Amino acid sequence: MPLTARISAQIDATETAAIDFGSKTSKIQAAIAIALANGTAAGQADMIFSDERTLAASATENLDLAGSLAGAFGATLTFAKVKAIMVIADAGNTNDVVIGGAASNAFVGPFGANTHTVAVEPGGVFLIAHSGAGWTVTAATGDLLKMTNSAGTTGVTYKIVIIGTSV
Protein backbone atom coordinates (compact mmCIF):
# COMPACT_ATOMS: atom_id res chain seq x y z
CA MET A 1 0.00 0.00 0.00
CA PRO A 2 1.41 3.41 -0.90
CA LEU A 3 2.60 5.54 2.02
CA THR A 4 3.31 9.25 2.21
CA ALA A 5 4.35 10.97 5.42
CA ARG A 6 5.16 14.42 6.72
CA ILE A 7 7.27 14.68 9.86
CA SER A 8 7.43 18.08 11.47
CA ALA A 9 8.84 19.72 14.57
CA GLN A 10 8.53 23.32 15.65
CA ILE A 11 9.53 25.59 18.50
CA ASP A 12 7.97 29.02 18.69
CA ALA A 13 9.13 30.95 21.77
CA THR A 14 9.10 34.54 22.98
CA GLU A 15 11.34 35.79 25.77
CA THR A 16 10.60 39.19 27.30
CA ALA A 17 12.65 41.25 29.75
CA ALA A 18 11.83 44.56 31.41
CA ILE A 19 14.21 47.41 30.66
CA ASP A 20 14.27 51.02 31.92
CA PHE A 21 11.65 52.25 29.44
CA GLY A 22 9.46 49.42 28.23
CA SER A 23 10.44 45.88 27.45
CA LYS A 24 12.80 43.95 25.25
CA THR A 25 11.62 40.90 23.31
CA SER A 26 13.43 38.06 21.62
CA LYS A 27 11.39 35.78 19.38
CA ILE A 28 12.77 32.37 18.44
CA GLN A 29 11.22 30.31 15.68
CA ALA A 30 12.72 27.05 14.55
CA ALA A 31 10.86 24.55 12.40
CA ILE A 32 11.52 21.72 10.04
CA ALA A 33 9.30 19.49 7.97
CA ILE A 34 10.47 16.31 6.28
CA ALA A 35 8.27 14.96 3.52
CA LEU A 36 8.60 11.28 2.68
CA ALA A 37 7.16 10.03 -0.61
CA ASN A 38 6.24 6.42 -1.20
CA GLY A 39 9.26 4.23 -1.90
CA THR A 40 12.47 2.85 -0.42
CA ALA A 41 15.13 5.40 -1.44
CA ALA A 42 16.39 8.50 0.36
CA GLY A 43 13.47 10.79 1.15
CA GLN A 44 10.99 7.92 0.87
CA ALA A 45 9.25 5.38 3.11
CA ASP A 46 6.96 2.42 2.52
CA MET A 47 6.21 1.14 6.04
CA ILE A 48 4.67 2.56 9.21
CA PHE A 49 3.98 1.06 12.64
CA SER A 50 1.87 2.83 15.24
CA ASP A 51 0.46 1.68 18.54
CA GLU A 52 -0.53 2.74 22.04
CA ARG A 53 1.10 0.42 24.54
CA THR A 54 1.25 -0.07 28.31
CA LEU A 55 4.13 -1.44 30.35
CA ALA A 56 3.56 -2.73 33.89
CA ALA A 57 5.71 -1.46 36.75
CA SER A 58 9.42 -2.17 36.00
CA ALA A 59 8.45 -3.98 32.79
CA THR A 60 10.36 -3.96 29.51
CA GLU A 61 9.53 -5.06 26.00
CA ASN A 62 11.60 -5.46 22.88
CA LEU A 63 9.93 -4.28 19.69
CA ASP A 64 11.35 -6.48 16.94
CA LEU A 65 11.70 -4.18 13.94
CA ALA A 66 12.37 -7.09 11.60
CA GLY A 67 9.41 -9.38 11.63
CA SER A 68 7.11 -9.20 14.65
CA LEU A 69 5.30 -5.85 14.39
CA ALA A 70 2.06 -5.58 12.45
CA GLY A 71 0.92 -2.59 10.43
CA ALA A 72 -2.54 -1.01 10.55
CA PHE A 73 -3.90 -3.50 8.02
CA GLY A 74 -2.44 -6.58 9.74
CA ALA A 75 0.60 -7.21 7.55
CA THR A 76 3.84 -8.15 9.32
CA LEU A 77 6.45 -5.40 9.02
CA THR A 78 10.12 -6.11 8.39
CA PHE A 79 11.99 -2.82 8.50
CA ALA A 80 15.31 -2.59 6.66
CA LYS A 81 15.74 1.13 7.44
CA VAL A 82 14.09 3.42 9.99
CA LYS A 83 13.34 6.99 8.93
CA ALA A 84 11.55 8.27 12.05
CA ILE A 85 10.67 7.30 15.61
CA MET A 86 8.23 9.19 17.79
CA VAL A 87 7.34 8.23 21.35
CA ILE A 88 4.77 10.16 23.34
CA ALA A 89 4.61 9.38 27.07
CA ASP A 90 1.15 9.71 28.58
CA ALA A 91 0.79 12.76 30.83
CA GLY A 92 -0.78 10.56 33.52
CA ASN A 93 2.33 8.38 33.86
CA THR A 94 4.29 8.50 37.10
CA ASN A 95 7.46 7.00 35.62
CA ASP A 96 9.50 7.68 32.49
CA VAL A 97 9.34 5.63 29.31
CA VAL A 98 12.93 4.67 28.40
CA ILE A 99 13.83 3.95 24.77
CA GLY A 100 16.84 1.84 23.72
CA GLY A 101 19.44 -0.26 25.47
CA ALA A 102 18.45 -3.81 24.48
CA ALA A 103 20.78 -6.35 26.09
CA SER A 104 21.34 -8.15 22.79
CA ASN A 105 20.50 -7.60 19.13
CA ALA A 106 19.86 -3.91 19.84
CA PHE A 107 18.72 -1.54 17.11
CA VAL A 108 21.38 1.13 17.55
CA GLY A 109 20.15 3.50 14.84
CA PRO A 110 20.36 7.07 16.14
CA PHE A 111 21.39 6.11 19.68
CA GLY A 112 25.12 5.78 19.02
CA ALA A 113 25.63 2.53 20.94
CA ASN A 114 23.49 -0.39 22.08
CA THR A 115 23.67 0.77 25.73
CA HIS A 116 22.47 4.32 25.05
CA THR A 117 18.93 5.26 26.03
CA VAL A 118 16.55 8.20 26.02
CA ALA A 119 14.09 8.78 28.88
CA VAL A 120 10.75 10.38 28.01
CA GLU A 121 9.13 11.86 31.10
CA PRO A 122 5.36 11.90 31.64
CA GLY A 123 3.72 14.17 29.07
CA GLY A 124 6.95 14.34 27.06
CA VAL A 125 7.75 13.47 23.48
CA PHE A 126 10.80 12.07 21.71
CA LEU A 127 11.01 12.56 17.95
CA ILE A 128 13.93 11.83 15.70
CA ALA A 129 13.83 11.72 11.93
CA HIS A 130 16.22 10.94 9.09
CA SER A 131 15.61 12.63 5.73
CA GLY A 132 18.13 10.48 3.86
CA ALA A 133 18.63 6.75 3.60
CA GLY A 134 17.65 6.00 7.22
CA TRP A 135 19.15 3.98 10.06
CA THR A 136 19.88 0.35 9.23
CA VAL A 137 17.96 -2.48 10.87
CA THR A 138 19.81 -5.79 10.80
CA ALA A 139 17.50 -8.78 11.20
CA ALA A 140 18.44 -11.13 14.06
CA THR A 141 21.47 -9.06 15.17
CA GLY A 142 20.39 -5.39 15.28
CA ASP A 143 16.62 -5.18 15.26
CA LEU A 144 15.34 -4.87 18.84
CA LEU A 145 14.09 -1.50 20.09
CA LYS A 146 13.79 -1.86 23.85
CA MET A 147 11.06 0.02 25.72
CA THR A 148 11.27 0.19 29.52
CA ASN A 149 9.18 1.47 32.41
CA SER A 150 11.76 3.36 34.49
CA ALA A 151 10.45 2.36 37.92
CA GLY A 152 8.56 -0.24 39.87
CA THR A 153 5.75 1.91 41.19
CA THR A 154 3.11 2.07 38.45
CA GLY A 155 2.56 1.18 34.81
CA VAL A 156 3.29 3.56 31.93
CA THR A 157 1.38 4.16 28.73
CA TYR A 158 2.97 5.46 25.55
CA LYS A 159 2.22 5.97 21.89
CA ILE A 160 4.84 5.02 19.32
CA VAL A 161 5.17 5.61 15.60
CA ILE A 162 7.99 4.13 13.50
CA ILE A 163 8.37 4.99 9.81
CA GLY A 164 10.82 3.21 7.55
CA THR A 165 11.49 1.14 4.49
CA SER A 166 11.34 -2.55 3.59
CA VAL A 167 14.57 -2.43 1.58
C-alpha atoms as a PDB file:
ATOM      1  CA  MET A   1       0.000   0.000   0.000  1.00  0.00           C
ATOM      2  CA  PRO A   2       1.406   3.412  -0.896  1.00  0.00           C
ATOM      3  CA  LEU A   3       2.602   5.538   2.016  1.00  0.00           C
ATOM      4  CA  THR A   4       3.308   9.248   2.212  1.00  0.00           C
ATOM      5  CA  ALA A   5       4.351  10.966   5.423  1.00  0.00           C
ATOM      6  CA  ARG A   6       5.156  14.419   6.717  1.00  0.00           C
ATOM      7  CA  ILE A   7       7.267  14.677   9.860  1.00  0.00           C
ATOM      8  CA  SER A   8       7.427  18.085  11.469  1.00  0.00           C
ATOM      9  CA  ALA A   9       8.840  19.719  14.568  1.00  0.00           C
ATOM     10  CA  GLN A  10       8.526  23.316  15.648  1.00  0.00           C
ATOM     11  CA  ILE A  11       9.532  25.587  18.496  1.00  0.00           C
ATOM     12  CA  ASP A  12       7.971  29.024  18.685  1.00  0.00           C
ATOM     13  CA  ALA A  13       9.130  30.951  21.766  1.00  0.00           C
ATOM     14  CA  THR A  14       9.100  34.542  22.982  1.00  0.00           C
ATOM     15  CA  GLU A  15      11.340  35.792  25.770  1.00  0.00           C
ATOM     16  CA  THR A  16      10.604  39.189  27.299  1.00  0.00           C
ATOM     17  CA  ALA A  17      12.652  41.249  29.755  1.00  0.00           C
ATOM     18  CA  ALA A  18      11.834  44.559  31.409  1.00  0.00           C
ATOM     19  CA  ILE A  19      14.208  47.410  30.658  1.00  0.00           C
ATOM     20  CA  ASP A  20      14.267  51.025  31.917  1.00  0.00           C
ATOM     21  CA  PHE A  21      11.654  52.247  29.439  1.00  0.00           C
ATOM     22  CA  GLY A  22       9.456  49.417  28.226  1.00  0.00           C
ATOM     23  CA  SER A  23      10.436  45.884  27.446  1.00  0.00           C
ATOM     24  CA  LYS A  24      12.797  43.953  25.247  1.00  0.00           C
ATOM     25  CA  THR A  25      11.616  40.903  23.313  1.00  0.00           C
ATOM     26  CA  SER A  26      13.426  38.060  21.624  1.00  0.00           C
ATOM     27  CA  LYS A  27      11.393  35.780  19.381  1.00  0.00           C
ATOM     28  CA  ILE A  28      12.771  32.366  18.439  1.00  0.00           C
ATOM     29  CA  GLN A  29      11.225  30.313  15.676  1.00  0.00           C
ATOM     30  CA  ALA A  30      12.722  27.046  14.551  1.00  0.00           C
ATOM     31  CA  ALA A  31      10.859  24.554  12.400  1.00  0.00           C
ATOM     32  CA  ILE A  32      11.515  21.725  10.043  1.00  0.00           C
ATOM     33  CA  ALA A  33       9.304  19.486   7.970  1.00  0.00           C
ATOM     34  CA  ILE A  34      10.472  16.312   6.285  1.00  0.00           C
ATOM     35  CA  ALA A  35       8.271  14.956   3.517  1.00  0.00           C
ATOM     36  CA  LEU A  36       8.600  11.280   2.679  1.00  0.00           C
ATOM     37  CA  ALA A  37       7.163  10.034  -0.605  1.00  0.00           C
ATOM     38  CA  ASN A  38       6.238   6.419  -1.200  1.00  0.00           C
ATOM     39  CA  GLY A  39       9.261   4.226  -1.898  1.00  0.00           C
ATOM     40  CA  THR A  40      12.470   2.849  -0.419  1.00  0.00           C
ATOM     41  CA  ALA A  41      15.134   5.398  -1.435  1.00  0.00           C
ATOM     42  CA  ALA A  42      16.386   8.500   0.356  1.00  0.00           C
ATOM     43  CA  GLY A  43      13.467  10.785   1.150  1.00  0.00           C
ATOM     44  CA  GLN A  44      10.993   7.920   0.872  1.00  0.00           C
ATOM     45  CA  ALA A  45       9.248   5.378   3.115  1.00  0.00           C
ATOM     46  CA  ASP A  46       6.961   2.424   2.524  1.00  0.00           C
ATOM     47  CA  MET A  47       6.210   1.137   6.045  1.00  0.00           C
ATOM     48  CA  ILE A  48       4.665   2.559   9.211  1.00  0.00           C
ATOM     49  CA  PHE A  49       3.985   1.057  12.637  1.00  0.00           C
ATOM     50  CA  SER A  50       1.868   2.826  15.236  1.00  0.00           C
ATOM     51  CA  ASP A  51       0.462   1.678  18.539  1.00  0.00           C
ATOM     52  CA  GLU A  52      -0.532   2.736  22.036  1.00  0.00           C
ATOM     53  CA  ARG A  53       1.095   0.421  24.535  1.00  0.00           C
ATOM     54  CA  THR A  54       1.253  -0.065  28.308  1.00  0.00           C
ATOM     55  CA  LEU A  55       4.131  -1.443  30.353  1.00  0.00           C
ATOM     56  CA  ALA A  56       3.555  -2.733  33.887  1.00  0.00           C
ATOM     57  CA  ALA A  57       5.713  -1.461  36.755  1.00  0.00           C
ATOM     58  CA  SER A  58       9.422  -2.173  36.001  1.00  0.00           C
ATOM     59  CA  ALA A  59       8.448  -3.979  32.787  1.00  0.00           C
ATOM     60  CA  THR A  60      10.357  -3.959  29.510  1.00  0.00           C
ATOM     61  CA  GLU A  61       9.528  -5.064  25.999  1.00  0.00           C
ATOM     62  CA  ASN A  62      11.599  -5.461  22.876  1.00  0.00           C
ATOM     63  CA  LEU A  63       9.934  -4.281  19.694  1.00  0.00           C
ATOM     64  CA  ASP A  64      11.348  -6.482  16.936  1.00  0.00           C
ATOM     65  CA  LEU A  65      11.695  -4.179  13.942  1.00  0.00           C
ATOM     66  CA  ALA A  66      12.374  -7.094  11.605  1.00  0.00           C
ATOM     67  CA  GLY A  67       9.410  -9.375  11.628  1.00  0.00           C
ATOM     68  CA  SER A  68       7.108  -9.203  14.651  1.00  0.00           C
ATOM     69  CA  LEU A  69       5.301  -5.851  14.394  1.00  0.00           C
ATOM     70  CA  ALA A  70       2.058  -5.581  12.452  1.00  0.00           C
ATOM     71  CA  GLY A  71       0.917  -2.588  10.430  1.00  0.00           C
ATOM     72  CA  ALA A  72      -2.540  -1.009  10.547  1.00  0.00           C
ATOM     73  CA  PHE A  73      -3.901  -3.505   8.022  1.00  0.00           C
ATOM     74  CA  GLY A  74      -2.436  -6.583   9.745  1.00  0.00           C
ATOM     75  CA  ALA A  75       0.605  -7.205   7.554  1.00  0.00           C
ATOM     76  CA  THR A  76       3.839  -8.154   9.324  1.00  0.00           C
ATOM     77  CA  LEU A  77       6.449  -5.404   9.016  1.00  0.00           C
ATOM     78  CA  THR A  78      10.123  -6.108   8.389  1.00  0.00           C
ATOM     79  CA  PHE A  79      11.992  -2.822   8.504  1.00  0.00           C
ATOM     80  CA  ALA A  80      15.315  -2.585   6.659  1.00  0.00           C
ATOM     81  CA  LYS A  81      15.740   1.129   7.439  1.00  0.00           C
ATOM     82  CA  VAL A  82      14.090   3.420   9.987  1.00  0.00           C
ATOM     83  CA  LYS A  83      13.344   6.991   8.930  1.00  0.00           C
ATOM     84  CA  ALA A  84      11.545   8.275  12.051  1.00  0.00           C
ATOM     85  CA  ILE A  85      10.675   7.303  15.608  1.00  0.00           C
ATOM     86  CA  MET A  86       8.233   9.187  17.787  1.00  0.00           C
ATOM     87  CA  VAL A  87       7.343   8.227  21.352  1.00  0.00           C
ATOM     88  CA  ILE A  88       4.767  10.163  23.344  1.00  0.00           C
ATOM     89  CA  ALA A  89       4.612   9.379  27.068  1.00  0.00           C
ATOM     90  CA  ASP A  90       1.147   9.714  28.576  1.00  0.00           C
ATOM     91  CA  ALA A  91       0.788  12.763  30.834  1.00  0.00           C
ATOM     92  CA  GLY A  92      -0.778  10.560  33.518  1.00  0.00           C
ATOM     93  CA  ASN A  93       2.328   8.375  33.859  1.00  0.00           C
ATOM     94  CA  THR A  94       4.286   8.498  37.103  1.00  0.00           C
ATOM     95  CA  ASN A  95       7.458   7.003  35.618  1.00  0.00           C
ATOM     96  CA  ASP A  96       9.504   7.677  32.488  1.00  0.00           C
ATOM     97  CA  VAL A  97       9.343   5.629  29.306  1.00  0.00           C
ATOM     98  CA  VAL A  98      12.928   4.672  28.397  1.00  0.00           C
ATOM     99  CA  ILE A  99      13.832   3.948  24.767  1.00  0.00           C
ATOM    100  CA  GLY A 100      16.835   1.839  23.720  1.00  0.00           C
ATOM    101  CA  GLY A 101      19.444  -0.265  25.469  1.00  0.00           C
ATOM    102  CA  ALA A 102      18.454  -3.808  24.482  1.00  0.00           C
ATOM    103  CA  ALA A 103      20.785  -6.354  26.092  1.00  0.00           C
ATOM    104  CA  SER A 104      21.342  -8.150  22.793  1.00  0.00           C
ATOM    105  CA  ASN A 105      20.497  -7.600  19.129  1.00  0.00           C
ATOM    106  CA  ALA A 106      19.857  -3.911  19.842  1.00  0.00           C
ATOM    107  CA  PHE A 107      18.719  -1.542  17.107  1.00  0.00           C
ATOM    108  CA  VAL A 108      21.376   1.127  17.553  1.00  0.00           C
ATOM    109  CA  GLY A 109      20.153   3.500  14.839  1.00  0.00           C
ATOM    110  CA  PRO A 110      20.357   7.065  16.138  1.00  0.00           C
ATOM    111  CA  PHE A 111      21.387   6.107  19.681  1.00  0.00           C
ATOM    112  CA  GLY A 112      25.121   5.782  19.020  1.00  0.00           C
ATOM    113  CA  ALA A 113      25.627   2.532  20.936  1.00  0.00           C
ATOM    114  CA  ASN A 114      23.491  -0.389  22.083  1.00  0.00           C
ATOM    115  CA  THR A 115      23.672   0.766  25.730  1.00  0.00           C
ATOM    116  CA  HIS A 116      22.468   4.318  25.054  1.00  0.00           C
ATOM    117  CA  THR A 117      18.933   5.262  26.033  1.00  0.00           C
ATOM    118  CA  VAL A 118      16.547   8.204  26.018  1.00  0.00           C
ATOM    119  CA  ALA A 119      14.091   8.783  28.879  1.00  0.00           C
ATOM    120  CA  VAL A 120      10.755  10.381  28.010  1.00  0.00           C
ATOM    121  CA  GLU A 121       9.130  11.865  31.097  1.00  0.00           C
ATOM    122  CA  PRO A 122       5.356  11.900  31.641  1.00  0.00           C
ATOM    123  CA  GLY A 123       3.721  14.165  29.072  1.00  0.00           C
ATOM    124  CA  GLY A 124       6.951  14.335  27.063  1.00  0.00           C
ATOM    125  CA  VAL A 125       7.752  13.472  23.483  1.00  0.00           C
ATOM    126  CA  PHE A 126      10.798  12.069  21.707  1.00  0.00           C
ATOM    127  CA  LEU A 127      11.007  12.563  17.951  1.00  0.00           C
ATOM    128  CA  ILE A 128      13.930  11.826  15.700  1.00  0.00           C
ATOM    129  CA  ALA A 129      13.833  11.724  11.926  1.00  0.00           C
ATOM    130  CA  HIS A 130      16.218  10.945   9.091  1.00  0.00           C
ATOM    131  CA  SER A 131      15.607  12.632   5.732  1.00  0.00           C
ATOM    132  CA  GLY A 132      18.129  10.483   3.859  1.00  0.00           C
ATOM    133  CA  ALA A 133      18.634   6.745   3.603  1.00  0.00           C
ATOM    134  CA  GLY A 134      17.652   5.999   7.217  1.00  0.00           C
ATOM    135  CA  TRP A 135      19.147   3.983  10.062  1.00  0.00           C
ATOM    136  CA  THR A 136      19.884   0.347   9.232  1.00  0.00           C
ATOM    137  CA  VAL A 137      17.957  -2.483  10.865  1.00  0.00           C
ATOM    138  CA  THR A 138      19.814  -5.792  10.799  1.00  0.00           C
ATOM    139  CA  ALA A 139      17.497  -8.776  11.197  1.00  0.00           C
ATOM    140  CA  ALA A 140      18.442 -11.129  14.062  1.00  0.00           C
ATOM    141  CA  THR A 141      21.473  -9.056  15.173  1.00  0.00           C
ATOM    142  CA  GLY A 142      20.394  -5.392  15.278  1.00  0.00           C
ATOM    143  CA  ASP A 143      16.618  -5.183  15.265  1.00  0.00           C
ATOM    144  CA  LEU A 144      15.341  -4.868  18.843  1.00  0.00           C
ATOM    145  CA  LEU A 145      14.087  -1.497  20.090  1.00  0.00           C
ATOM    146  CA  LYS A 146      13.789  -1.863  23.854  1.00  0.00           C
ATOM    147  CA  MET A 147      11.059   0.020  25.722  1.00  0.00           C
ATOM    148  CA  THR A 148      11.272   0.189  29.521  1.00  0.00           C
ATOM    149  CA  ASN A 149       9.179   1.474  32.406  1.00  0.00           C
ATOM    150  CA  SER A 150      11.760   3.358  34.491  1.00  0.00           C
ATOM    151  CA  ALA A 151      10.448   2.360  37.919  1.00  0.00           C
ATOM    152  CA  GLY A 152       8.558  -0.239  39.870  1.00  0.00           C
ATOM    153  CA  THR A 153       5.754   1.914  41.193  1.00  0.00           C
ATOM    154  CA  THR A 154       3.106   2.073  38.449  1.00  0.00           C
ATOM    155  CA  GLY A 155       2.565   1.179  34.814  1.00  0.00           C
ATOM    156  CA  VAL A 156       3.293   3.556  31.927  1.00  0.00           C
ATOM    157  CA  THR A 157       1.379   4.165  28.726  1.00  0.00           C
ATOM    158  CA  TYR A 158       2.970   5.462  25.555  1.00  0.00           C
ATOM    159  CA  LYS A 159       2.221   5.970  21.889  1.00  0.00           C
ATOM    160  CA  ILE A 160       4.839   5.016  19.324  1.00  0.00           C
ATOM    161  CA  VAL A 161       5.171   5.614  15.598  1.00  0.00           C
ATOM    162  CA  ILE A 162       7.986   4.134  13.497  1.00  0.00           C
ATOM    163  CA  ILE A 163       8.368   4.994   9.813  1.00  0.00           C
ATOM    164  CA  GLY A 164      10.818   3.211   7.552  1.00  0.00           C
ATOM    165  CA  THR A 165      11.488   1.135   4.490  1.00  0.00           C
ATOM    166  CA  SER A 166      11.343  -2.546   3.588  1.00  0.00           C
ATOM    167  CA  VAL A 167      14.568  -2.428   1.581  1.00  0.00           C
END
